[in-house]
């Protein structure tokens, strides 16, 4: 650290007491669900990257990337002449990463917001939605990945975790869609209410505070 360098480790054993001086994680075992959960929780305030050496089967693309978004974890990306990971390959190999790349970029620098009952999601009939979400603090404000839902509109309610300040800007990013879609913010007391369209059952809501605009 005194030399301006950082320490990333491959956390084969998920032990918080061993990670005091660790700055982040590069996990080669995260295809295992228990390992992925373990490293995600170890990295609540630290970056986590997971190794991959095989193309993602088309039927698993959405579930793979949406699970990473939900846990705030980043994938190792295709790279030319990579001899120990996923090679640059064909456009079909790279397309899942370009589809989900902007959504992953939206949670860059994230830290989990550890507030009880910080959010809830309802469907258009005001019933609890099957979608899952997580709330992250990011340098620009907040990011909320909504995953494993159904296409259509959901109502996201964030309770007491986002300050009601003038100039708040909200939008949503969808996989495979180039431009973000603006969202109108409504307040009920200290609860921020957003109507969020989902595509491929997914969307990452960006909440930008006034002091980070531009």
Protein backbone atom coordinates (compact mmCIF):
# COMPACT_ATOMS: atom_id res chain seq x y z
CA UNK A 1 0.00 0.00 0.00
CA UNK A 2 2.83 2.41 0.77
CA UNK A 3 4.05 1.82 -2.80
CA UNK A 4 0.64 2.69 -4.28
CA UNK A 5 -0.26 -0.92 -5.03
CA UNK A 6 -3.26 -3.04 -4.10
CA UNK A 7 -3.71 -6.65 -3.03
CA UNK A 8 -6.23 -8.92 -4.75
CA UNK A 9 -6.49 -12.53 -3.60
CA UNK A 10 -8.06 -15.77 -4.78
CA UNK A 11 -10.14 -16.55 -1.67
CA UNK A 12 -10.25 -20.34 -1.70
CA UNK A 13 -11.23 -20.25 1.97
CA UNK A 14 -13.80 -17.53 2.74
CA UNK A 15 -12.44 -16.20 6.06
CA UNK A 16 -12.99 -12.57 6.97
CA UNK A 17 -10.19 -12.66 9.55
CA UNK A 18 -7.71 -13.40 6.74
CA UNK A 19 -8.89 -10.50 4.56
CA UNK A 20 -8.12 -7.53 6.78
CA UNK A 21 -5.37 -6.19 4.50
CA UNK A 22 -6.95 -7.35 1.24
CA UNK A 23 -8.23 -4.73 -1.21
CA UNK A 24 -10.30 -7.01 -3.45
CA UNK A 25 -10.93 -10.52 -4.74
CA UNK A 26 -10.36 -12.46 -7.96
CA UNK A 27 -12.17 -15.74 -7.38
CA UNK A 28 -11.58 -18.77 -9.60
CA UNK A 29 -14.15 -20.94 -7.79
CA UNK A 30 -17.23 -18.72 -8.14
CA UNK A 31 -19.08 -21.03 -10.54
CA UNK A 32 -20.05 -22.84 -7.35
CA UNK A 33 -23.08 -21.04 -5.82
CA UNK A 34 -21.81 -21.31 -2.25
CA UNK A 35 -18.41 -19.92 -3.26
CA UNK A 36 -20.06 -17.04 -5.16
CA UNK A 37 -22.21 -16.13 -2.16
CA UNK A 38 -19.22 -16.34 0.15
CA UNK A 39 -16.99 -14.04 -1.86
CA UNK A 40 -19.86 -11.60 -2.49
CA UNK A 41 -20.41 -11.19 1.25
CA UNK A 42 -16.68 -10.94 1.88
CA UNK A 43 -16.62 -8.14 -0.69
CA UNK A 44 -19.49 -6.04 0.65
CA UNK A 45 -17.15 -3.01 0.65
CA UNK A 46 -14.47 -4.36 -1.70
CA UNK A 47 -14.41 -5.18 -5.44
CA UNK A 48 -15.00 -8.78 -6.50
CA UNK A 49 -14.11 -10.28 -9.89
CA UNK A 50 -14.88 -13.88 -10.87
CA UNK A 51 -12.84 -15.96 -13.30
CA UNK A 52 -14.35 -17.59 -16.37
CA UNK A 53 -12.71 -19.67 -19.09
CA UNK A 54 -15.65 -20.88 -21.21
CA UNK A 55 -18.31 -19.10 -23.28
CA UNK A 56 -21.67 -18.68 -21.56
CA UNK A 57 -24.36 -20.93 -23.07
CA UNK A 58 -27.09 -18.74 -24.63
CA UNK A 59 -29.79 -20.13 -22.35
CA UNK A 60 -27.75 -19.14 -19.27
CA UNK A 61 -26.68 -15.61 -20.26
CA UNK A 62 -29.40 -13.71 -18.40
CA UNK A 63 -29.29 -15.84 -15.26
CA UNK A 64 -25.47 -15.64 -15.13
CA UNK A 65 -25.18 -11.87 -15.45
CA UNK A 66 -28.24 -11.07 -13.37
CA UNK A 67 -26.89 -13.16 -10.50
CA UNK A 68 -23.63 -11.17 -10.66
CA UNK A 69 -25.50 -7.86 -10.71
CA UNK A 70 -27.61 -8.91 -7.74
CA UNK A 71 -24.50 -9.74 -5.70
CA UNK A 72 -22.43 -6.78 -6.92
CA UNK A 73 -19.83 -9.06 -8.54
CA UNK A 74 -17.97 -8.45 -11.81
CA UNK A 75 -17.03 -11.06 -14.45
CA UNK A 76 -13.64 -11.58 -16.02
CA UNK A 77 -14.14 -10.35 -19.59
CA UNK A 78 -12.99 -11.83 -22.93
CA UNK A 79 -9.54 -10.64 -23.92
CA UNK A 80 -7.45 -11.25 -27.08
CA UNK A 81 -4.94 -14.11 -26.76
CA UNK A 82 -6.08 -14.89 -23.24
CA UNK A 83 -4.45 -18.23 -22.36
CA UNK A 84 -5.99 -18.64 -18.90
CA UNK A 85 -9.50 -17.32 -19.24
CA UNK A 86 -12.12 -16.48 -21.84
CA UNK A 87 -10.54 -15.65 -25.20
CA UNK A 88 -11.77 -12.78 -27.40
CA UNK A 89 -13.54 -15.37 -29.54
CA UNK A 90 -16.47 -14.56 -31.83
CA UNK A 91 -19.01 -11.72 -31.64
CA UNK A 92 -21.43 -14.26 -30.16
CA UNK A 93 -18.95 -14.94 -27.35
CA UNK A 94 -18.58 -11.24 -26.61
CA UNK A 95 -22.18 -10.15 -27.05
CA UNK A 96 -23.37 -11.10 -23.53
CA UNK A 97 -20.61 -8.91 -22.09
CA UNK A 98 -21.49 -5.96 -24.32
CA UNK A 99 -25.20 -6.44 -23.55
CA UNK A 100 -24.61 -6.32 -19.80
CA UNK A 101 -21.49 -4.14 -19.77
CA UNK A 102 -23.29 -0.80 -19.19
CA UNK A 103 -25.29 -2.34 -16.33
CA UNK A 104 -22.13 -3.60 -14.68
CA UNK A 105 -20.49 -0.21 -15.21
CA UNK A 106 -23.40 1.38 -13.33
CA UNK A 107 -22.47 -0.52 -10.15
CA UNK A 108 -18.74 0.13 -10.42
CA UNK A 109 -17.34 1.24 -7.06
CA UNK A 110 -20.42 -0.13 -5.28
CA UNK A 111 -20.80 -0.74 -1.58
CA UNK A 112 -23.81 -2.55 -0.17
CA UNK A 113 -26.37 -0.38 1.64
CA UNK A 114 -26.93 -2.40 4.80
CA UNK A 115 -30.26 -0.98 5.88
CA UNK A 116 -33.07 -3.29 6.94
CA UNK A 117 -36.11 -3.35 4.65
CA UNK A 118 -34.56 -0.71 2.41
CA UNK A 119 -36.66 -1.60 -0.62
CA UNK A 120 -39.64 -3.52 -1.91
CA UNK A 121 -40.93 -4.31 -5.39
CA UNK A 122 -44.55 -4.60 -6.50
CA UNK A 123 -46.00 -5.54 -9.86
CA UNK A 124 -48.60 -3.51 -11.74
CA UNK A 125 -51.38 -5.01 -9.57
CA UNK A 126 -49.59 -3.88 -6.38
CA UNK A 127 -48.72 -7.44 -5.47
CA UNK A 128 -45.26 -8.51 -4.39
CA UNK A 129 -43.14 -9.06 -7.49
CA UNK A 130 -40.96 -12.16 -7.92
CA UNK A 131 -38.10 -9.87 -8.95
CA UNK A 132 -35.08 -9.51 -6.66
CA UNK A 133 -33.10 -6.34 -6.06
CA UNK A 134 -30.11 -4.98 -4.20
CA UNK A 135 -29.26 -1.42 -3.21
CA UNK A 136 -25.72 -0.14 -3.64
CA UNK A 137 -24.04 3.12 -2.86
CA UNK A 138 -21.89 4.18 -5.84
CA UNK A 139 -19.70 7.26 -6.43
CA UNK A 140 -22.50 8.96 -8.41
CA UNK A 141 -25.21 8.23 -5.86
CA UNK A 142 -27.02 4.88 -5.80
CA UNK A 143 -27.63 1.90 -8.08
CA UNK A 144 -30.38 -0.71 -7.80
CA UNK A 145 -30.06 -3.88 -9.89
CA UNK A 146 -33.49 -5.47 -10.39
CA UNK A 147 -33.17 -9.04 -11.64
CA UNK A 148 -35.05 -12.31 -12.18
CA UNK A 149 -38.28 -10.47 -12.83
CA UNK A 150 -40.77 -10.52 -15.67
CA UNK A 151 -40.93 -8.12 -18.60
CA UNK A 152 -43.24 -5.21 -17.92
CA UNK A 153 -43.38 -2.50 -15.29
CA UNK A 154 -42.64 -2.90 -11.59
CA UNK A 155 -42.92 -0.39 -8.77
CA UNK A 156 -39.71 0.04 -6.78
CA UNK A 157 -40.02 1.62 -3.33
CA UNK A 158 -36.86 2.67 -1.48
CA UNK A 159 -37.51 3.51 2.15
CA UNK A 160 -35.29 5.95 4.01
CA UNK A 161 -32.06 5.00 2.26
CA UNK A 162 -31.94 7.74 -0.41
CA UNK A 163 -32.08 11.39 0.72
CA UNK A 164 -34.89 13.50 -0.69
CA UNK A 165 -32.77 16.26 -2.17
CA UNK A 166 -33.44 18.67 -5.06
CA UNK A 167 -32.02 17.71 -8.42
CA UNK A 168 -32.26 13.95 -8.00
CA UNK A 169 -32.04 12.20 -11.38
CA UNK A 170 -33.21 8.63 -11.99
CA UNK A 171 -32.99 6.38 -15.03
CA UNK A 172 -32.80 2.69 -15.88
CA UNK A 173 -30.45 0.63 -18.04
CA UNK A 174 -31.56 -2.56 -19.79
CA UNK A 175 -29.41 -5.40 -21.20
CA UNK A 176 -28.78 -5.01 -24.91
CA UNK A 177 -30.27 -1.49 -25.05
CA UNK A 178 -27.88 1.36 -25.76
CA UNK A 179 -29.65 4.30 -24.13
CA UNK A 180 -30.88 4.70 -20.57
CA UNK A 181 -34.58 5.40 -20.02
CA UNK A 182 -35.44 8.34 -17.71
CA UNK A 183 -37.60 7.64 -14.69
CA UNK A 184 -39.84 10.05 -12.80
CA UNK A 185 -39.21 10.17 -9.06
CA UNK A 186 -42.16 10.35 -6.68
CA UNK A 187 -41.90 10.75 -2.92
CA UNK A 188 -44.23 9.51 -0.20
CA UNK A 189 -42.66 10.84 2.97
CA UNK A 190 -39.13 9.43 2.96
CA UNK A 191 -40.03 6.67 0.48
CA UNK A 192 -38.80 7.08 -3.11
CA UNK A 193 -41.25 5.48 -5.56
CA UNK A 194 -40.11 4.60 -9.09
CA UNK A 195 -42.03 2.88 -11.86
CA UNK A 196 -39.41 0.76 -13.60
CA UNK A 197 -39.81 -1.10 -16.90
CA UNK A 198 -37.91 -4.39 -17.13
CA UNK A 199 -36.49 -6.08 -20.21
CA UNK A 200 -35.24 -9.64 -20.12
CA UNK A 201 -36.55 -9.47 -16.55
CA UNK A 202 -33.87 -6.95 -15.65
CA UNK A 203 -32.97 -3.31 -15.22
CA UNK A 204 -30.38 -1.34 -13.26
CA UNK A 205 -31.79 1.86 -11.77
CA UNK A 206 -29.31 4.72 -11.44
CA UNK A 207 -30.06 7.40 -8.86
CA UNK A 208 -27.76 10.37 -9.33
CA UNK A 209 -27.58 12.98 -6.60
CA UNK A 210 -27.32 16.68 -7.46
CA UNK A 211 -23.71 17.03 -6.35
CA UNK A 212 -22.65 14.32 -8.86
CA UNK A 213 -24.55 15.54 -11.93
CA UNK A 214 -22.49 16.24 -15.02
